[in-house]
Protein backbone atom coordinates (compact mmCIF):
# COMPACT_ATOMS: atom_id res chain seq x y z
CA UNK A 1 92.62 206.69 -3.96
CA UNK A 2 94.45 203.38 -4.59
CA UNK A 3 95.41 204.11 -8.30
CA UNK A 4 96.65 207.44 -9.70
CA UNK A 5 97.44 208.10 -13.38
CA UNK A 6 99.42 211.03 -14.66
CA UNK A 7 100.41 212.51 -18.01
CA UNK A 8 103.39 215.10 -18.43
CA UNK A 9 104.46 217.00 -21.44
CA UNK A 10 107.70 218.86 -21.69
CA UNK A 11 109.24 220.88 -24.43
CA UNK A 12 112.84 222.54 -25.25
CA UNK A 13 112.51 225.23 -27.72
CA UNK A 14 114.60 228.18 -28.72
CA UNK A 15 113.36 232.00 -28.39
CA UNK A 16 114.66 235.28 -27.60
CA UNK A 17 111.86 235.77 -25.25
CA UNK A 18 109.24 233.53 -23.61
CA UNK A 19 106.54 232.31 -25.69
CA UNK A 20 102.90 232.55 -24.48
CA UNK A 21 101.95 229.30 -26.13
CA UNK A 22 104.49 227.35 -23.97
CA UNK A 23 104.06 229.12 -20.88
CA UNK A 24 100.31 228.86 -20.72
CA UNK A 25 100.27 225.12 -21.28
CA UNK A 26 96.84 224.77 -22.26
CA UNK A 27 97.60 223.59 -25.87
CA UNK A 28 99.76 220.46 -26.26
CA UNK A 29 103.14 221.31 -27.08
CA UNK A 30 103.24 218.97 -30.06
CA UNK A 31 100.61 221.38 -31.65
CA UNK A 32 102.46 224.70 -30.54
CA UNK A 33 105.05 224.34 -33.29
CA UNK A 34 102.60 223.61 -35.86
CA UNK A 35 100.59 226.87 -34.93
CA UNK A 36 103.74 228.91 -34.86
CA UNK A 37 104.96 227.54 -38.33
CA UNK A 38 101.50 228.56 -39.91
CA UNK A 39 102.35 232.14 -39.20
CA UNK A 40 106.02 231.75 -40.34
CA UNK A 41 106.15 229.00 -42.87
CA UNK A 42 109.91 229.62 -43.67
CA UNK A 43 111.06 229.51 -39.90
CA UNK A 44 110.98 225.78 -39.17
CA UNK A 45 114.81 225.53 -38.20
CA UNK A 46 114.30 228.47 -35.61
CA UNK A 47 110.81 227.13 -34.32
CA UNK A 48 111.61 223.51 -34.42
CA UNK A 49 111.21 221.89 -30.69
CA UNK A 50 111.94 218.98 -28.93
CA UNK A 51 108.77 217.58 -27.06
CA UNK A 52 109.02 214.78 -24.51
CA UNK A 53 105.92 212.95 -23.28
CA UNK A 54 105.65 210.81 -19.96
CA UNK A 55 102.92 208.49 -18.66
CA UNK A 56 103.10 207.72 -15.10
CA UNK A 57 100.95 205.53 -12.57
CA UNK A 58 101.01 204.62 -8.91
CA UNK A 59 99.14 201.76 -7.23
CA UNK A 60 98.67 201.44 -3.53
CA UNK A 61 98.55 197.56 -3.41
CA UNK A 62 98.22 197.44 0.29
CA UNK A 63 98.11 199.92 3.13
CA UNK A 64 101.52 201.39 3.51
CA UNK A 65 102.80 199.68 0.15
CA UNK A 66 102.95 201.37 -3.17
CA UNK A 67 104.17 200.36 -6.62
CA UNK A 68 104.76 202.92 -9.18
CA UNK A 69 106.01 203.28 -12.90
CA UNK A 70 106.74 205.87 -15.60
CA UNK A 71 107.27 205.68 -19.34
CA UNK A 72 108.90 208.63 -21.10
CA UNK A 73 108.84 209.03 -24.88
CA UNK A 74 111.30 211.28 -26.34
CA UNK A 75 110.70 210.09 -29.98
CA UNK A 76 108.56 207.00 -31.21
CA UNK A 77 108.06 206.21 -34.81
CA UNK A 78 105.18 204.18 -36.11
CA UNK A 79 105.66 204.63 -39.93
CA UNK A 80 109.42 204.26 -40.25
CA UNK A 81 112.37 202.30 -38.69
CA UNK A 82 115.05 204.77 -40.25
CA UNK A 83 115.02 206.78 -36.87
CA UNK A 84 115.46 204.73 -33.55
CA UNK A 85 112.88 205.09 -30.86
CA UNK A 86 114.11 207.19 -27.87
CA UNK A 87 112.49 205.75 -24.67
CA UNK A 88 113.04 205.81 -20.99
CA UNK A 89 111.09 204.08 -18.04
CA UNK A 90 111.26 203.57 -14.33
CA UNK A 91 109.59 201.07 -11.83
CA UNK A 92 109.65 201.15 -8.06
CA UNK A 93 108.33 199.77 -4.88
CA UNK A 94 108.23 201.41 -1.54
CA UNK A 95 106.53 200.88 1.61
CA UNK A 96 106.32 201.60 5.40
CA UNK A 97 105.59 199.36 8.29
CA UNK A 98 106.71 198.81 11.81
CA UNK A 99 109.33 196.51 13.53
CA UNK A 100 109.01 196.14 17.30
CA UNK A 101 106.87 199.07 17.50
CA UNK A 102 109.14 201.35 15.45
CA UNK A 103 108.62 202.57 12.12
CA UNK A 104 110.53 201.08 9.16
CA UNK A 105 110.42 202.43 5.44
CA UNK A 106 111.98 200.84 2.34
CA UNK A 107 112.17 201.16 -1.28
CA UNK A 108 113.72 199.92 -4.60
CA UNK A 109 113.79 201.45 -7.88
CA UNK A 110 114.95 200.60 -11.45
CA UNK A 111 115.50 203.08 -14.11
CA UNK A 112 116.70 202.40 -17.75
CA UNK A 113 117.35 205.36 -20.32
CA UNK A 114 118.09 204.02 -23.80
CA UNK A 115 120.46 205.82 -26.35
CA UNK A 116 119.77 209.16 -27.63
CA UNK A 117 117.23 209.94 -24.95
CA UNK A 118 117.06 213.94 -24.36
CA UNK A 119 119.53 214.58 -27.26
CA UNK A 120 118.64 216.63 -30.45
CA UNK A 121 120.59 216.71 -33.71
CA UNK A 122 118.99 220.24 -34.39
CA UNK A 123 120.15 221.94 -31.11
CA UNK A 124 117.32 221.34 -28.80
CA UNK A 125 118.83 218.81 -26.32
CA UNK A 126 117.02 218.49 -23.11
CA UNK A 127 119.73 219.71 -21.03
CA UNK A 128 121.23 222.59 -19.21
CA UNK A 129 124.95 223.36 -18.59
CA UNK A 130 125.80 220.00 -19.97
CA UNK A 131 123.58 218.12 -17.57
CA UNK A 132 120.24 216.44 -18.32
CA UNK A 133 117.01 218.29 -17.12
CA UNK A 134 115.49 214.82 -16.51
CA UNK A 135 116.94 211.89 -14.80
CA UNK A 136 120.55 212.59 -13.54
CA UNK A 137 122.41 209.67 -15.29
CA UNK A 138 121.27 210.95 -18.78
CA UNK A 139 120.70 208.66 -21.79
CA UNK A 140 122.55 205.16 -22.38
CA UNK A 141 122.28 204.23 -18.57
CA UNK A 142 120.66 201.82 -16.23
CA UNK A 143 120.20 202.08 -12.42
CA UNK A 144 119.07 200.02 -9.58
CA UNK A 145 118.88 201.26 -6.13
CA UNK A 146 117.51 199.91 -2.98
CA UNK A 147 117.21 201.75 0.35
CA UNK A 148 115.76 201.37 3.95
CA UNK A 149 115.60 203.13 7.25
CA UNK A 150 114.49 202.19 10.78
CA UNK A 151 113.52 204.74 13.45
CA UNK A 152 115.24 203.58 16.65
CA UNK A 153 113.54 206.09 18.70
CA UNK A 154 111.30 209.30 17.95
CA UNK A 155 114.56 211.31 17.47
CA UNK A 156 117.16 208.68 16.01
CA UNK A 157 116.94 207.03 12.65
CA UNK A 158 119.45 204.54 11.08
CA UNK A 159 119.26 204.07 7.28
CA UNK A 160 121.24 202.27 4.36
CA UNK A 161 121.11 202.42 0.60
CA UNK A 162 122.84 200.42 -2.10
CA UNK A 163 122.94 201.20 -5.87
CA UNK A 164 124.26 199.82 -9.14
CA UNK A 165 124.58 202.27 -12.06
CA UNK A 166 125.86 201.20 -15.71
CA UNK A 167 126.66 203.90 -17.96
CA UNK A 168 127.42 203.61 -21.77
CA UNK A 169 129.42 206.02 -23.99
CA UNK A 170 126.35 207.46 -25.74
CA UNK A 171 125.82 210.62 -23.84
CA UNK A 172 124.10 213.96 -24.45
CA UNK A 173 126.63 214.81 -27.06
CA UNK A 174 125.80 211.64 -29.12
CA UNK A 175 122.54 212.49 -31.01
CA UNK A 176 121.20 210.39 -33.79
CA UNK A 177 121.39 212.30 -36.94
CA UNK A 178 118.80 210.93 -39.77
CA UNK A 179 120.56 209.25 -42.50
CA UNK A 180 123.26 207.80 -40.29
CA UNK A 181 123.95 203.97 -39.91
CA UNK A 182 121.22 202.24 -37.72
CA UNK A 183 122.18 202.01 -33.99
CA UNK A 184 120.19 199.89 -31.53
CA UNK A 185 119.13 202.18 -28.68
CA UNK A 186 118.63 199.35 -26.29
CA UNK A 187 122.36 198.39 -26.49
CA UNK A 188 125.09 200.20 -24.50
CA UNK A 189 127.57 202.03 -26.58
CA UNK A 190 131.30 201.16 -26.14
CA UNK A 191 132.96 200.41 -22.81
CA UNK A 192 130.32 200.30 -19.99
CA UNK A 193 131.34 202.10 -16.79
CA UNK A 194 129.87 200.44 -13.71
CA UNK A 195 129.44 202.06 -10.44
CA UNK A 196 128.50 200.08 -7.23
CA UNK A 197 128.05 201.90 -3.88
CA UNK A 198 126.88 201.27 -0.41
CA UNK A 199 126.04 203.88 2.25
CA UNK A 200 125.18 203.80 5.95
CA UNK A 201 123.83 206.70 7.76
CA UNK A 202 122.65 208.10 11.14
CA UNK A 203 120.13 210.77 11.73
CA UNK A 204 119.10 212.82 14.81
CA UNK A 205 116.24 215.22 14.74
CA UNK A 206 115.00 216.44 18.31
CA UNK A 207 111.86 218.43 18.44
CA UNK A 208 113.91 221.45 18.94
CA UNK A 209 114.08 221.62 15.05
CA UNK A 210 117.66 220.55 14.74
CA UNK A 211 118.07 217.88 12.05
CA UNK A 212 121.59 216.25 11.85
CA UNK A 213 122.68 213.67 9.74
CA UNK A 214 125.94 211.90 9.12
CA UNK A 215 126.75 208.99 6.61
CA UNK A 216 129.68 207.00 5.10
CA UNK A 217 130.02 204.59 2.39
CA UNK A 218 132.22 203.01 -0.39
CA UNK A 219 131.99 203.33 -4.04
CA UNK A 220 133.48 201.01 -6.64
CA UNK A 221 133.83 201.97 -10.25
CA UNK A 222 134.66 199.63 -13.06
CA UNK A 223 136.18 200.94 -16.41
CA UNK A 224 136.12 204.46 -15.07
CA UNK A 225 135.98 206.98 -17.85
CA UNK A 226 134.88 204.06 -20.10
CA UNK A 227 138.58 203.06 -20.10
CA UNK A 228 138.63 199.24 -20.07
CA UNK A 229 140.43 197.85 -16.86
CA UNK A 230 140.59 201.25 -15.17
CA UNK A 231 138.86 200.37 -11.91
CA UNK A 232 138.71 202.37 -8.79
CA UNK A 233 137.55 202.20 -5.29
CA UNK A 234 137.00 205.13 -2.77
CA UNK A 235 135.24 205.85 0.49
CA UNK A 236 133.11 208.92 0.99
CA UNK A 237 131.08 210.62 3.61
CA UNK A 238 128.86 213.50 4.44
CA UNK A 239 127.62 215.74 7.37
CA UNK A 240 124.39 217.58 7.12
CA UNK A 241 122.86 220.02 9.53
CA UNK A 242 119.41 221.62 9.11
CA UNK A 243 117.68 223.93 11.47
CA UNK A 244 113.96 224.43 10.99
CA UNK A 245 111.64 226.86 12.97
């Protein structure tokens, strides 16, 4: 199939134990809260959930080439402008081909999360242990990444990747509280931390099941910790070994 469409619904709720209406997943989560409140009308603060909905699509434009995109809606208001929309989106292109008879893969991806995404002023933020359950950069962020790899032989592969990430100060601990002064969710908050990184890697995986990879790169961070002028640059590397049977 050249075109694929998808719909995803996620919910963060609070309960002393698992709830069948959430686990089964047959009833849309936007209706689960209403059904529970019908049985317990005075329990809205305890039963209130945070529902996120995502729409995604992928299109194989040519053999070996695919474009894809996703729109995630955390909150979208059609009747009032008092509460900002909380949106995130992603678009990408990836492909595979040959160069001198050897396989080459490539890809590029753009991700944007506006402010207040994943957050909740009533204690249902979409996070665990202080980290977002969705895209790892969290709200108030923008990331562009390109990657490529070339199979030099059946057991050797060289790869490269580069990325640029902008991060504002509106994190998971900065929800929008109704009644607060309006804030534009598409604008970064405060001092923007910018991270640029480049990485080269080499992979060796013979038929014996050994998969060995080594990589190294450099990372530049401007305004580290959202402090204006606090710049840093550092090298990094990794060594990974995986044995499959």
